Full PDB file with SEQRES, HELIX, SHEET, SSBOND, CRYST1, ORIGX, SCALE, CONECT and MASTER records, all heavy atoms in Angstrom:
SEQRES   1 A   41  LEU GLU ASN ALA LYS ILE VAL ARG ASN ALA TYR ALA ILE          
SEQRES   2 A   41  GLU TYR ASP CYS ILE ASN PRO ASN GLN LEU LYS ALA SER          
SEQRES   3 A   41  LEU GLU PHE LEU LYS VAL ASP GLY LEU PHE SER GLY GLY          
SEQRES   4 A   41  GLN PHE                                                      
HELIX    1 AA1 PRO A   20  GLN A   22  5                                   3    
CRYST1    1.000    1.000    1.000  90.00  90.00  90.00 P 1           1          
ORIGX1      1.000000  0.000000  0.000000        0.00000                         
ORIGX2      0.000000  1.000000  0.000000        0.00000                         
ORIGX3      0.000000  0.000000  1.000000        0.00000                         
SCALE1      1.000000  0.000000  0.000000        0.00000                         
SCALE2      0.000000  1.000000  0.000000        0.00000                         
SCALE3      0.000000  0.000000  1.000000        0.00000                         
ATOM      1  N   LEU A   1     -32.030   0.093  -4.726  1.00  0.00           N  
ATOM      2  CA  LEU A   1     -31.152   0.700  -5.661  1.00  0.00           C  
ATOM      3  C   LEU A   1     -31.728   0.497  -7.112  1.00  0.00           C  
ATOM      4  O   LEU A   1     -30.919   0.704  -8.097  1.00  0.00           O  
ATOM      5  CB  LEU A   1     -29.731   0.109  -5.589  1.00  0.00           C  
ATOM      6  CG  LEU A   1     -28.975   0.188  -4.309  1.00  0.00           C  
ATOM      7  CD1 LEU A   1     -27.677  -0.481  -4.325  1.00  0.00           C  
ATOM      8  CD2 LEU A   1     -28.985   1.626  -3.842  1.00  0.00           C  
ATOM      9  N   GLU A   2     -32.945   0.301  -7.216  1.00  0.00           N  
ATOM     10  CA  GLU A   2     -33.507  -0.008  -8.636  1.00  0.00           C  
ATOM     11  C   GLU A   2     -33.409   1.167  -9.587  1.00  0.00           C  
ATOM     12  O   GLU A   2     -33.217   1.002 -10.754  1.00  0.00           O  
ATOM     13  CB  GLU A   2     -35.023  -0.251  -8.493  1.00  0.00           C  
ATOM     14  CG  GLU A   2     -35.324  -1.576  -7.854  1.00  0.00           C  
ATOM     15  CD  GLU A   2     -35.455  -1.489  -6.237  1.00  0.00           C  
ATOM     16  OE1 GLU A   2     -35.099  -0.420  -5.732  1.00  0.00           O  
ATOM     17  OE2 GLU A   2     -35.900  -2.393  -5.635  1.00  0.00           O  
ATOM     18  N   ASN A   3     -33.303   2.418  -9.064  1.00  0.00           N  
ATOM     19  CA  ASN A   3     -33.128   3.546  -9.927  1.00  0.00           C  
ATOM     20  C   ASN A   3     -31.836   4.276  -9.642  1.00  0.00           C  
ATOM     21  O   ASN A   3     -31.688   5.555  -9.887  1.00  0.00           O  
ATOM     22  CB  ASN A   3     -34.271   4.582  -9.708  1.00  0.00           C  
ATOM     23  CG  ASN A   3     -35.621   3.843 -10.119  1.00  0.00           C  
ATOM     24  OD1 ASN A   3     -35.825   3.464 -11.188  1.00  0.00           O  
ATOM     25  ND2 ASN A   3     -36.541   3.906  -9.108  1.00  0.00           N  
ATOM     26  N   ALA A   4     -30.857   3.489  -9.135  1.00  0.00           N  
ATOM     27  CA  ALA A   4     -29.603   4.132  -8.726  1.00  0.00           C  
ATOM     28  C   ALA A   4     -28.912   4.791  -9.861  1.00  0.00           C  
ATOM     29  O   ALA A   4     -28.823   4.324 -10.991  1.00  0.00           O  
ATOM     30  CB  ALA A   4     -28.687   3.041  -8.122  1.00  0.00           C  
ATOM     31  N   LYS A   5     -28.281   6.023  -9.523  1.00  0.00           N  
ATOM     32  CA  LYS A   5     -27.468   6.772 -10.429  1.00  0.00           C  
ATOM     33  C   LYS A   5     -26.041   6.708  -9.940  1.00  0.00           C  
ATOM     34  O   LYS A   5     -25.782   7.210  -8.757  1.00  0.00           O  
ATOM     35  CB  LYS A   5     -27.991   8.227 -10.679  1.00  0.00           C  
ATOM     36  CG  LYS A   5     -29.275   8.280 -11.212  1.00  0.00           C  
ATOM     37  CD  LYS A   5     -29.775   9.750 -11.474  1.00  0.00           C  
ATOM     38  CE  LYS A   5     -31.042   9.850 -12.193  1.00  0.00           C  
ATOM     39  NZ  LYS A   5     -31.529  11.202 -12.384  1.00  0.00           N  
ATOM     40  N   ILE A   6     -25.181   6.155 -10.646  1.00  0.00           N  
ATOM     41  CA  ILE A   6     -23.748   6.008 -10.250  1.00  0.00           C  
ATOM     42  C   ILE A   6     -23.030   7.387 -10.346  1.00  0.00           C  
ATOM     43  O   ILE A   6     -22.962   7.990 -11.494  1.00  0.00           O  
ATOM     44  CB  ILE A   6     -23.000   4.923 -11.020  1.00  0.00           C  
ATOM     45  CG1 ILE A   6     -23.670   3.591 -10.678  1.00  0.00           C  
ATOM     46  CG2 ILE A   6     -21.549   4.951 -10.633  1.00  0.00           C  
ATOM     47  CD1 ILE A   6     -23.117   2.383 -11.433  1.00  0.00           C  
ATOM     48  N   VAL A   7     -22.400   7.956  -9.358  1.00  0.00           N  
ATOM     49  CA  VAL A   7     -21.615   9.148  -9.344  1.00  0.00           C  
ATOM     50  C   VAL A   7     -20.196   8.795  -9.766  1.00  0.00           C  
ATOM     51  O   VAL A   7     -19.562   9.475 -10.539  1.00  0.00           O  
ATOM     52  CB  VAL A   7     -21.762   9.854  -7.995  1.00  0.00           C  
ATOM     53  CG1 VAL A   7     -20.870  11.122  -8.078  1.00  0.00           C  
ATOM     54  CG2 VAL A   7     -23.142  10.191  -7.638  1.00  0.00           C  
ATOM     55  N   ARG A   8     -19.649   7.704  -9.152  1.00  0.00           N  
ATOM     56  CA  ARG A   8     -18.310   7.221  -9.434  1.00  0.00           C  
ATOM     57  C   ARG A   8     -18.332   5.684  -9.625  1.00  0.00           C  
ATOM     58  O   ARG A   8     -18.972   5.078  -8.833  1.00  0.00           O  
ATOM     59  CB  ARG A   8     -17.332   7.545  -8.283  1.00  0.00           C  
ATOM     60  CG  ARG A   8     -17.267   8.960  -7.742  1.00  0.00           C  
ATOM     61  CD  ARG A   8     -16.201   9.184  -6.843  1.00  0.00           C  
ATOM     62  NE  ARG A   8     -16.414  10.487  -6.075  1.00  0.00           N  
ATOM     63  CZ  ARG A   8     -15.421  11.326  -5.695  1.00  0.00           C  
ATOM     64  NH1 ARG A   8     -14.169  10.958  -5.940  1.00  0.00           N  
ATOM     65  NH2 ARG A   8     -15.706  12.406  -5.017  1.00  0.00           N  
ATOM     66  N   ASN A   9     -17.803   5.268 -10.724  1.00  0.00           N  
ATOM     67  CA  ASN A   9     -17.719   3.914 -10.912  1.00  0.00           C  
ATOM     68  C   ASN A   9     -16.884   3.155  -9.934  1.00  0.00           C  
ATOM     69  O   ASN A   9     -15.920   3.711  -9.410  1.00  0.00           O  
ATOM     70  CB  ASN A   9     -17.242   3.492 -12.313  1.00  0.00           C  
ATOM     71  CG  ASN A   9     -18.178   3.953 -13.414  1.00  0.00           C  
ATOM     72  OD1 ASN A   9     -19.399   3.795 -13.305  1.00  0.00           O  
ATOM     73  ND2 ASN A   9     -17.623   4.370 -14.513  1.00  0.00           N  
ATOM     74  N   ALA A  10     -17.227   1.900  -9.668  1.00  0.00           N  
ATOM     75  CA  ALA A  10     -16.406   0.951  -8.875  1.00  0.00           C  
ATOM     76  C   ALA A  10     -15.128   0.656  -9.710  1.00  0.00           C  
ATOM     77  O   ALA A  10     -15.241   0.679 -11.008  1.00  0.00           O  
ATOM     78  CB  ALA A  10     -17.151  -0.326  -8.519  1.00  0.00           C  
ATOM     79  N   TYR A  11     -14.007   0.353  -9.085  1.00  0.00           N  
ATOM     80  CA  TYR A  11     -12.813   0.016  -9.774  1.00  0.00           C  
ATOM     81  C   TYR A  11     -11.858  -0.737  -8.946  1.00  0.00           C  
ATOM     82  O   TYR A  11     -11.921  -0.684  -7.661  1.00  0.00           O  
ATOM     83  CB  TYR A  11     -12.111   1.285 -10.408  1.00  0.00           C  
ATOM     84  CG  TYR A  11     -11.583   2.264  -9.289  1.00  0.00           C  
ATOM     85  CD1 TYR A  11     -10.335   2.130  -8.674  1.00  0.00           C  
ATOM     86  CD2 TYR A  11     -12.410   3.335  -8.911  1.00  0.00           C  
ATOM     87  CE1 TYR A  11      -9.875   3.018  -7.784  1.00  0.00           C  
ATOM     88  CE2 TYR A  11     -11.909   4.258  -7.955  1.00  0.00           C  
ATOM     89  CZ  TYR A  11     -10.678   4.070  -7.312  1.00  0.00           C  
ATOM     90  OH  TYR A  11     -10.274   4.919  -6.414  1.00  0.00           O  
ATOM     91  N   ALA A  12     -11.012  -1.510  -9.656  1.00  0.00           N  
ATOM     92  CA  ALA A  12      -9.846  -2.085  -8.866  1.00  0.00           C  
ATOM     93  C   ALA A  12      -8.646  -1.278  -9.071  1.00  0.00           C  
ATOM     94  O   ALA A  12      -8.538  -0.583 -10.107  1.00  0.00           O  
ATOM     95  CB  ALA A  12      -9.659  -3.539  -9.401  1.00  0.00           C  
ATOM     96  N   ILE A  13      -7.657  -1.302  -8.175  1.00  0.00           N  
ATOM     97  CA  ILE A  13      -6.439  -0.547  -8.315  1.00  0.00           C  
ATOM     98  C   ILE A  13      -5.287  -1.474  -8.052  1.00  0.00           C  
ATOM     99  O   ILE A  13      -5.202  -2.110  -7.009  1.00  0.00           O  
ATOM    100  CB  ILE A  13      -6.437   0.755  -7.527  1.00  0.00           C  
ATOM    101  CG1 ILE A  13      -5.062   1.500  -7.741  1.00  0.00           C  
ATOM    102  CG2 ILE A  13      -6.631   0.426  -5.996  1.00  0.00           C  
ATOM    103  CD1 ILE A  13      -5.126   2.881  -7.125  1.00  0.00           C  
ATOM    104  N   GLU A  14      -4.360  -1.472  -8.993  1.00  0.00           N  
ATOM    105  CA  GLU A  14      -3.063  -2.277  -8.842  1.00  0.00           C  
ATOM    106  C   GLU A  14      -2.016  -1.251  -8.481  1.00  0.00           C  
ATOM    107  O   GLU A  14      -1.942  -0.064  -8.927  1.00  0.00           O  
ATOM    108  CB  GLU A  14      -2.675  -2.974 -10.134  1.00  0.00           C  
ATOM    109  CG  GLU A  14      -3.341  -4.190 -10.454  1.00  0.00           C  
ATOM    110  CD  GLU A  14      -2.775  -4.903 -11.668  1.00  0.00           C  
ATOM    111  OE1 GLU A  14      -2.401  -4.245 -12.641  1.00  0.00           O  
ATOM    112  OE2 GLU A  14      -2.606  -6.080 -11.590  1.00  0.00           O  
ATOM    113  N   TYR A  15      -1.002  -1.681  -7.632  1.00  0.00           N  
ATOM    114  CA  TYR A  15       0.018  -0.755  -7.242  1.00  0.00           C  
ATOM    115  C   TYR A  15       1.285  -1.587  -6.826  1.00  0.00           C  
ATOM    116  O   TYR A  15       1.148  -2.780  -6.507  1.00  0.00           O  
ATOM    117  CB  TYR A  15      -0.405   0.100  -6.079  1.00  0.00           C  
ATOM    118  CG  TYR A  15      -0.939  -0.641  -4.926  1.00  0.00           C  
ATOM    119  CD1 TYR A  15      -0.124  -0.971  -3.809  1.00  0.00           C  
ATOM    120  CD2 TYR A  15      -2.218  -1.188  -4.866  1.00  0.00           C  
ATOM    121  CE1 TYR A  15      -0.628  -1.668  -2.809  1.00  0.00           C  
ATOM    122  CE2 TYR A  15      -2.785  -1.892  -3.768  1.00  0.00           C  
ATOM    123  CZ  TYR A  15      -1.914  -2.121  -2.772  1.00  0.00           C  
ATOM    124  OH  TYR A  15      -2.399  -2.853  -1.733  1.00  0.00           O  
ATOM    125  N   ASP A  16       2.362  -0.925  -6.764  1.00  0.00           N  
ATOM    126  CA  ASP A  16       3.645  -1.557  -6.327  1.00  0.00           C  
ATOM    127  C   ASP A  16       3.781  -1.382  -4.858  1.00  0.00           C  
ATOM    128  O   ASP A  16       3.435  -0.324  -4.240  1.00  0.00           O  
ATOM    129  CB  ASP A  16       4.874  -0.889  -6.971  1.00  0.00           C  
ATOM    130  CG  ASP A  16       4.944  -1.229  -8.419  1.00  0.00           C  
ATOM    131  OD1 ASP A  16       4.254  -2.133  -8.929  1.00  0.00           O  
ATOM    132  OD2 ASP A  16       5.728  -0.516  -9.134  1.00  0.00           O  
ATOM    133  N   CYS A  17       4.368  -2.357  -4.104  1.00  0.00           N  
ATOM    134  CA  CYS A  17       4.644  -2.284  -2.734  1.00  0.00           C  
ATOM    135  C   CYS A  17       5.834  -3.217  -2.458  1.00  0.00           C  
ATOM    136  O   CYS A  17       6.333  -3.804  -3.481  1.00  0.00           O  
ATOM    137  CB  CYS A  17       3.393  -2.741  -1.852  1.00  0.00           C  
ATOM    138  SG  CYS A  17       2.872  -4.413  -2.126  1.00  0.00           S  
ATOM    139  N   ILE A  18       6.292  -3.318  -1.261  1.00  0.00           N  
ATOM    140  CA  ILE A  18       7.507  -4.104  -0.918  1.00  0.00           C  
ATOM    141  C   ILE A  18       7.147  -5.433  -0.314  1.00  0.00           C  
ATOM    142  O   ILE A  18       6.066  -5.658   0.263  1.00  0.00           O  
ATOM    143  CB  ILE A  18       8.449  -3.328  -0.049  1.00  0.00           C  
ATOM    144  CG1 ILE A  18       7.737  -3.029   1.336  1.00  0.00           C  
ATOM    145  CG2 ILE A  18       8.845  -2.074  -0.722  1.00  0.00           C  
ATOM    146  CD1 ILE A  18       8.741  -2.677   2.408  1.00  0.00           C  
ATOM    147  N   ASN A  19       8.230  -6.350  -0.326  1.00  0.00           N  
ATOM    148  CA  ASN A  19       8.160  -7.517   0.552  1.00  0.00           C  
ATOM    149  C   ASN A  19       8.536  -7.036   2.006  1.00  0.00           C  
ATOM    150  O   ASN A  19       9.799  -6.586   2.090  1.00  0.00           O  
ATOM    151  CB  ASN A  19       9.033  -8.529   0.019  1.00  0.00           C  
ATOM    152  CG  ASN A  19       9.146  -9.674   0.951  1.00  0.00           C  
ATOM    153  OD1 ASN A  19       8.593  -9.712   2.045  1.00  0.00           O  
ATOM    154  ND2 ASN A  19       9.969 -10.697   0.481  1.00  0.00           N  
ATOM    155  N   PRO A  20       7.624  -6.994   2.995  1.00  0.00           N  
ATOM    156  CA  PRO A  20       8.015  -6.405   4.287  1.00  0.00           C  
ATOM    157  C   PRO A  20       9.013  -7.206   4.975  1.00  0.00           C  
ATOM    158  O   PRO A  20       9.498  -6.772   6.033  1.00  0.00           O  
ATOM    159  CB  PRO A  20       6.702  -6.267   4.932  1.00  0.00           C  
ATOM    160  CG  PRO A  20       5.873  -7.379   4.351  1.00  0.00           C  
ATOM    161  CD  PRO A  20       6.197  -7.366   2.875  1.00  0.00           C  
ATOM    162  N   ASN A  21       9.313  -8.353   4.541  1.00  0.00           N  
ATOM    163  CA  ASN A  21      10.401  -9.200   5.228  1.00  0.00           C  
ATOM    164  C   ASN A  21      11.789  -8.475   5.152  1.00  0.00           C  
ATOM    165  O   ASN A  21      12.730  -8.906   5.851  1.00  0.00           O  
ATOM    166  CB  ASN A  21      10.509 -10.632   4.654  1.00  0.00           C  
ATOM    167  CG  ASN A  21       9.360 -11.447   5.040  1.00  0.00           C  
ATOM    168  OD1 ASN A  21       9.228 -12.519   4.452  1.00  0.00           O  
ATOM    169  ND2 ASN A  21       8.476 -11.081   5.902  1.00  0.00           N  
ATOM    170  N   GLN A  22      11.810  -7.400   4.366  1.00  0.00           N  
ATOM    171  CA  GLN A  22      13.095  -6.655   4.212  1.00  0.00           C  
ATOM    172  C   GLN A  22      13.226  -5.643   5.326  1.00  0.00           C  
ATOM    173  O   GLN A  22      14.246  -4.912   5.350  1.00  0.00           O  
ATOM    174  CB  GLN A  22      13.054  -5.886   2.826  1.00  0.00           C  
ATOM    175  CG  GLN A  22      13.071  -6.963   1.699  1.00  0.00           C  
ATOM    176  CD  GLN A  22      12.773  -6.157   0.461  1.00  0.00           C  
ATOM    177  OE1 GLN A  22      13.678  -5.846  -0.387  1.00  0.00           O  
ATOM    178  NE2 GLN A  22      11.468  -5.791   0.178  1.00  0.00           N  
ATOM    179  N   LEU A  23      12.222  -5.550   6.240  1.00  0.00           N  
ATOM    180  CA  LEU A  23      12.348  -4.551   7.302  1.00  0.00           C  
ATOM    181  C   LEU A  23      12.673  -5.088   8.655  1.00  0.00           C  
ATOM    182  O   LEU A  23      12.376  -6.277   8.925  1.00  0.00           O  
ATOM    183  CB  LEU A  23      10.896  -3.903   7.401  1.00  0.00           C  
ATOM    184  CG  LEU A  23      10.300  -3.240   6.194  1.00  0.00           C  
ATOM    185  CD1 LEU A  23       8.838  -2.805   6.404  1.00  0.00           C  
ATOM    186  CD2 LEU A  23      11.094  -2.006   5.816  1.00  0.00           C  
ATOM    187  N   LYS A  24      13.311  -4.249   9.514  1.00  0.00           N  
ATOM    188  CA  LYS A  24      13.452  -4.620  10.807  1.00  0.00           C  
ATOM    189  C   LYS A  24      12.179  -4.294  11.619  1.00  0.00           C  
ATOM    190  O   LYS A  24      11.246  -3.742  11.022  1.00  0.00           O  
ATOM    191  CB  LYS A  24      14.614  -3.628  11.462  1.00  0.00           C  
ATOM    192  CG  LYS A  24      15.896  -3.732  10.845  1.00  0.00           C  
ATOM    193  CD  LYS A  24      16.807  -2.764  11.420  1.00  0.00           C  
ATOM    194  CE  LYS A  24      18.137  -2.683  10.675  1.00  0.00           C  
ATOM    195  NZ  LYS A  24      19.029  -1.449  11.307  1.00  0.00           N  
ATOM    196  N   ALA A  25      12.129  -4.795  12.818  1.00  0.00           N  
ATOM    197  CA  ALA A  25      10.960  -4.501  13.652  1.00  0.00           C  
ATOM    198  C   ALA A  25      10.637  -2.992  13.870  1.00  0.00           C  
ATOM    199  O   ALA A  25       9.647  -2.594  14.115  1.00  0.00           O  
ATOM    200  CB  ALA A  25      10.907  -5.238  14.985  1.00  0.00           C  
ATOM    201  N   SER A  26      11.667  -2.199  13.669  1.00  0.00           N  
ATOM    202  CA  SER A  26      11.567  -0.760  13.760  1.00  0.00           C  
ATOM    203  C   SER A  26      11.057  -0.116  12.526  1.00  0.00           C  
ATOM    204  O   SER A  26      10.819   1.096  12.441  1.00  0.00           O  
ATOM    205  CB  SER A  26      12.957  -0.177  14.133  1.00  0.00           C  
ATOM    206  OG  SER A  26      13.894  -0.418  13.021  1.00  0.00           O  
ATOM    207  N   LEU A  27      10.821  -0.868  11.493  1.00  0.00           N  
ATOM    208  CA  LEU A  27      10.340  -0.478  10.245  1.00  0.00           C  
ATOM    209  C   LEU A  27      11.451   0.206   9.381  1.00  0.00           C  
ATOM    210  O   LEU A  27      11.152   0.899   8.439  1.00  0.00           O  
ATOM    211  CB  LEU A  27       9.109   0.344  10.285  1.00  0.00           C  
ATOM    212  CG  LEU A  27       7.908  -0.450  10.824  1.00  0.00           C  
ATOM    213  CD1 LEU A  27       6.621   0.461  10.856  1.00  0.00           C  
ATOM    214  CD2 LEU A  27       7.611  -1.699  10.068  1.00  0.00           C  
ATOM    215  N   GLU A  28      12.674   0.000   9.782  1.00  0.00           N  
ATOM    216  CA  GLU A  28      13.832   0.430   8.966  1.00  0.00           C  
ATOM    217  C   GLU A  28      14.320  -0.733   8.064  1.00  0.00           C  
ATOM    218  O   GLU A  28      14.217  -1.853   8.493  1.00  0.00           O  
ATOM    219  CB  GLU A  28      14.976   0.943   9.862  1.00  0.00           C  
ATOM    220  CG  GLU A  28      16.198   1.447   9.054  1.00  0.00           C  
ATOM    221  CD  GLU A  28      17.254   1.978   9.955  1.00  0.00           C  
ATOM    222  OE1 GLU A  28      17.331   1.509  11.147  1.00  0.00           O  
ATOM    223  OE2 GLU A  28      18.221   2.627   9.468  1.00  0.00           O  
ATOM    224  N   PHE A  29      14.659  -0.340   6.903  1.00  0.00           N  
ATOM    225  CA  PHE A  29      15.152  -1.381   5.900  1.00  0.00           C  
ATOM    226  C   PHE A  29      16.465  -1.951   6.387  1.00  0.00           C  
ATOM    227  O   PHE A  29      17.348  -1.282   6.970  1.00  0.00           O  
ATOM    228  CB  PHE A  29      15.297  -0.837   4.514  1.00  0.00           C  
ATOM    229  CG  PHE A  29      14.085  -0.694   3.753  1.00  0.00           C  
ATOM    230  CD1 PHE A  29      13.271   0.362   3.800  1.00  0.00           C  
ATOM    231  CD2 PHE A  29      13.725  -1.706   2.818  1.00  0.00           C  
ATOM    232  CE1 PHE A  29      12.055   0.406   3.098  1.00  0.00           C  
ATOM    233  CE2 PHE A  29      12.565  -1.650   2.032  1.00  0.00           C  
ATOM    234  CZ  PHE A  29      11.767  -0.558   2.220  1.00  0.00           C  
ATOM    235  N   LEU A  30      16.583  -3.308   6.199  1.00  0.00           N  
ATOM    236  CA  LEU A  30      17.797  -4.008   6.617  1.00  0.00           C  
ATOM    237  C   LEU A  30      18.982  -3.529   5.753  1.00  0.00           C  
ATOM    238  O   LEU A  30      20.061  -3.423   6.278  1.00  0.00           O  
ATOM    239  CB  LEU A  30      17.543  -5.525   6.440  1.00  0.00           C  
ATOM    240  CG  LEU A  30      16.622  -6.208   7.429  1.00  0.00           C  
ATOM    241  CD1 LEU A  30      16.228  -7.517   6.852  1.00  0.00           C  
ATOM    242  CD2 LEU A  30      17.317  -6.349   8.797  1.00  0.00           C  
ATOM    243  N   LYS A  31      18.703  -3.241   4.462  1.00  0.00           N  
ATOM    244  CA  LYS A  31      19.820  -3.017   3.561  1.00  0.00           C  
ATOM    245  C   LYS A  31      20.188  -1.526   3.422  1.00  0.00           C  
ATOM    246  O   LYS A  31      21.255  -1.258   2.976  1.00  0.00           O  
ATOM    247  CB  LYS A  31      19.383  -3.609   2.150  1.00  0.00           C  
ATOM    248  CG  LYS A  31      19.322  -5.159   1.988  1.00  0.00           C  
ATOM    249  CD  LYS A  31      19.026  -5.492   0.671  1.00  0.00           C  
ATOM    250  CE  LYS A  31      18.972  -7.042   0.491  1.00  0.00           C  
ATOM    251  NZ  LYS A  31      18.570  -7.438  -0.963  1.00  0.00           N  
ATOM    252  N   VAL A  32      19.287  -0.706   3.715  1.00  0.00           N  
ATOM    253  CA  VAL A  32      19.500   0.787   3.483  1.00  0.00           C  
ATOM    254  C   VAL A  32      19.333   1.546   4.850  1.00  0.00           C  
ATOM    255  O   VAL A  32      18.314   1.659   5.367  1.00  0.00           O  
ATOM    256  CB  VAL A  32      18.521   1.367   2.439  1.00  0.00           C  
ATOM    257  CG1 VAL A  32      18.952   2.796   2.107  1.00  0.00           C  
ATOM    258  CG2 VAL A  32      18.519   0.568   1.199  1.00  0.00           C  
ATOM    259  N   ASP A  33      20.430   1.988   5.271  1.00  0.00           N  
ATOM    260  CA  ASP A  33      20.542   2.700   6.601  1.00  0.00           C  
ATOM    261  C   ASP A  33      19.729   4.053   6.521  1.00  0.00           C  
ATOM    262  O   ASP A  33      19.979   4.846   5.602  1.00  0.00           O  
ATOM    263  CB  ASP A  33      22.005   2.966   6.930  1.00  0.00           C  
ATOM    264  CG  ASP A  33      22.169   3.554   8.390  1.00  0.00           C  
ATOM    265  OD1 ASP A  33      21.330   3.162   9.148  1.00  0.00           O  
ATOM    266  OD2 ASP A  33      22.998   4.465   8.474  1.00  0.00           O  
ATOM    267  N   GLY A  34      18.876   4.230   7.413  1.00  0.00           N  
ATOM    268  CA  GLY A  34      18.070   5.502   7.397  1.00  0.00           C  
ATOM    269  C   GLY A  34      16.819   5.519   6.556  1.00  0.00           C  
ATOM    270  O   GLY A  34      16.143   6.481   6.527  1.00  0.00           O  
ATOM    271  N   LEU A  35      16.499   4.356   5.971  1.00  0.00           N  
ATOM    272  CA  LEU A  35      15.333   4.262   5.091  1.00  0.00           C  
ATOM    273  C   LEU A  35      14.218   3.521   5.852  1.00  0.00           C  
ATOM    274  O   LEU A  35      14.476   2.354   6.216  1.00  0.00           O  
ATOM    275  CB  LEU A  35      15.601   3.625   3.751  1.00  0.00           C  
ATOM    276  CG  LEU A  35      14.459   3.482   2.771  1.00  0.00           C  
ATOM    277  CD1 LEU A  35      13.984   4.940   2.303  1.00  0.00           C  
ATOM    278  CD2 LEU A  35      14.815   2.755   1.529  1.00  0.00           C  
ATOM    279  N   PHE A  36      13.112   4.160   6.118  1.00  0.00           N  
ATOM    280  CA  PHE A  36      11.972   3.521   6.872  1.00  0.00           C  
ATOM    281  C   PHE A  36      10.837   3.564   5.916  1.00  0.00           C  
ATOM    282  O   PHE A  36      10.712   4.218   4.942  1.00  0.00           O  
ATOM    283  CB  PHE A  36      11.633   4.345   8.083  1.00  0.00           C  
ATOM    284  CG  PHE A  36      12.641   4.388   9.150  1.00  0.00           C  
ATOM    285  CD1 PHE A  36      13.830   5.218   9.030  1.00  0.00           C  
ATOM    286  CD2 PHE A  36      12.607   3.585  10.341  1.00  0.00           C  
ATOM    287  CE1 PHE A  36      14.809   5.243  10.013  1.00  0.00           C  
ATOM    288  CE2 PHE A  36      13.604   3.678  11.305  1.00  0.00           C  
ATOM    289  CZ  PHE A  36      14.668   4.517  11.142  1.00  0.00           C  
ATOM    290  N   SER A  37       9.732   2.681   6.311  1.00  0.00           N  
ATOM    291  CA  SER A  37       8.545   2.726   5.561  1.00  0.00           C  
ATOM    292  C   SER A  37       7.296   2.370   6.324  1.00  0.00           C  
ATOM    293  O   SER A  37       7.504   1.694   7.393  1.00  0.00           O  
ATOM    294  CB  SER A  37       8.625   1.861   4.284  1.00  0.00           C  
ATOM    295  OG  SER A  37       8.775   0.408   4.623  1.00  0.00           O  
ATOM    296  N   GLY A  38       6.126   2.774   5.898  1.00  0.00           N  
ATOM    297  CA  GLY A  38       4.921   2.331   6.681  1.00  0.00           C  
ATOM    298  C   GLY A  38       3.712   2.370   5.733  1.00  0.00           C  
ATOM    299  O   GLY A  38       3.683   2.960   4.681  1.00  0.00           O  
ATOM    300  N   GLY A  39       2.687   1.725   6.127  1.00  0.00           N  
ATOM    301  CA  GLY A  39       1.421   1.734   5.455  1.00  0.00           C  
ATOM    302  C   GLY A  39       1.270   0.708   4.270  1.00  0.00           C  
ATOM    303  O   GLY A  39       1.976  -0.433   4.376  1.00  0.00           O  
ATOM    304  N   GLN A  40       0.438   0.927   3.285  1.00  0.00           N  
ATOM    305  CA  GLN A  40       0.148   0.011   2.255  1.00  0.00           C  
ATOM    306  C   GLN A  40       1.368  -0.325   1.482  1.00  0.00           C  
ATOM    307  O   GLN A  40       1.447  -1.377   0.872  1.00  0.00           O  
ATOM    308  CB  GLN A  40      -1.077   0.474   1.365  1.00  0.00           C  
ATOM    309  CG  GLN A  40      -2.314   0.370   2.176  1.00  0.00           C  
ATOM    310  CD  GLN A  40      -3.579   0.627   1.222  1.00  0.00           C  
ATOM    311  OE1 GLN A  40      -4.099   1.698   1.292  1.00  0.00           O  
ATOM    312  NE2 GLN A  40      -3.974  -0.368   0.524  1.00  0.00           N  
ATOM    313  N   PHE A  41       2.294   0.534   1.458  1.00  0.00           N  
ATOM    314  CA  PHE A  41       3.611   0.295   0.724  1.00  0.00           C  
ATOM    315  C   PHE A  41       4.251  -0.940   1.415  1.00  0.00           C  
ATOM    316  O   PHE A  41       5.118  -1.567   0.763  1.00  0.00           O  
ATOM    317  CB  PHE A  41       4.493   1.532   0.945  1.00  0.00           C  
ATOM    318  CG  PHE A  41       5.886   1.378   0.245  1.00  0.00           C  
ATOM    319  CD1 PHE A  41       6.051   1.321  -1.105  1.00  0.00           C  
ATOM    320  CD2 PHE A  41       7.006   1.321   1.155  1.00  0.00           C  
ATOM    321  CE1 PHE A  41       7.298   1.175  -1.606  1.00  0.00           C  
ATOM    322  CE2 PHE A  41       8.215   1.189   0.635  1.00  0.00           C  
ATOM    323  CZ  PHE A  41       8.425   1.151  -0.797  1.00  0.00           C  
TER     324      PHE A  41                                                      
MASTER        0    0    0    1    0    0    0    6  323    1    0    4          
END                                                                             
């Protein structure tokens, strides 16, 4: 990589997500009926 040309810089990304302890095993929220979630959220 001695002559490497960077097309896109490396970066870190911060984001909001939830405490998953608020979910049932079905991935529905304990507190909000009908609200589900999945993934990095």
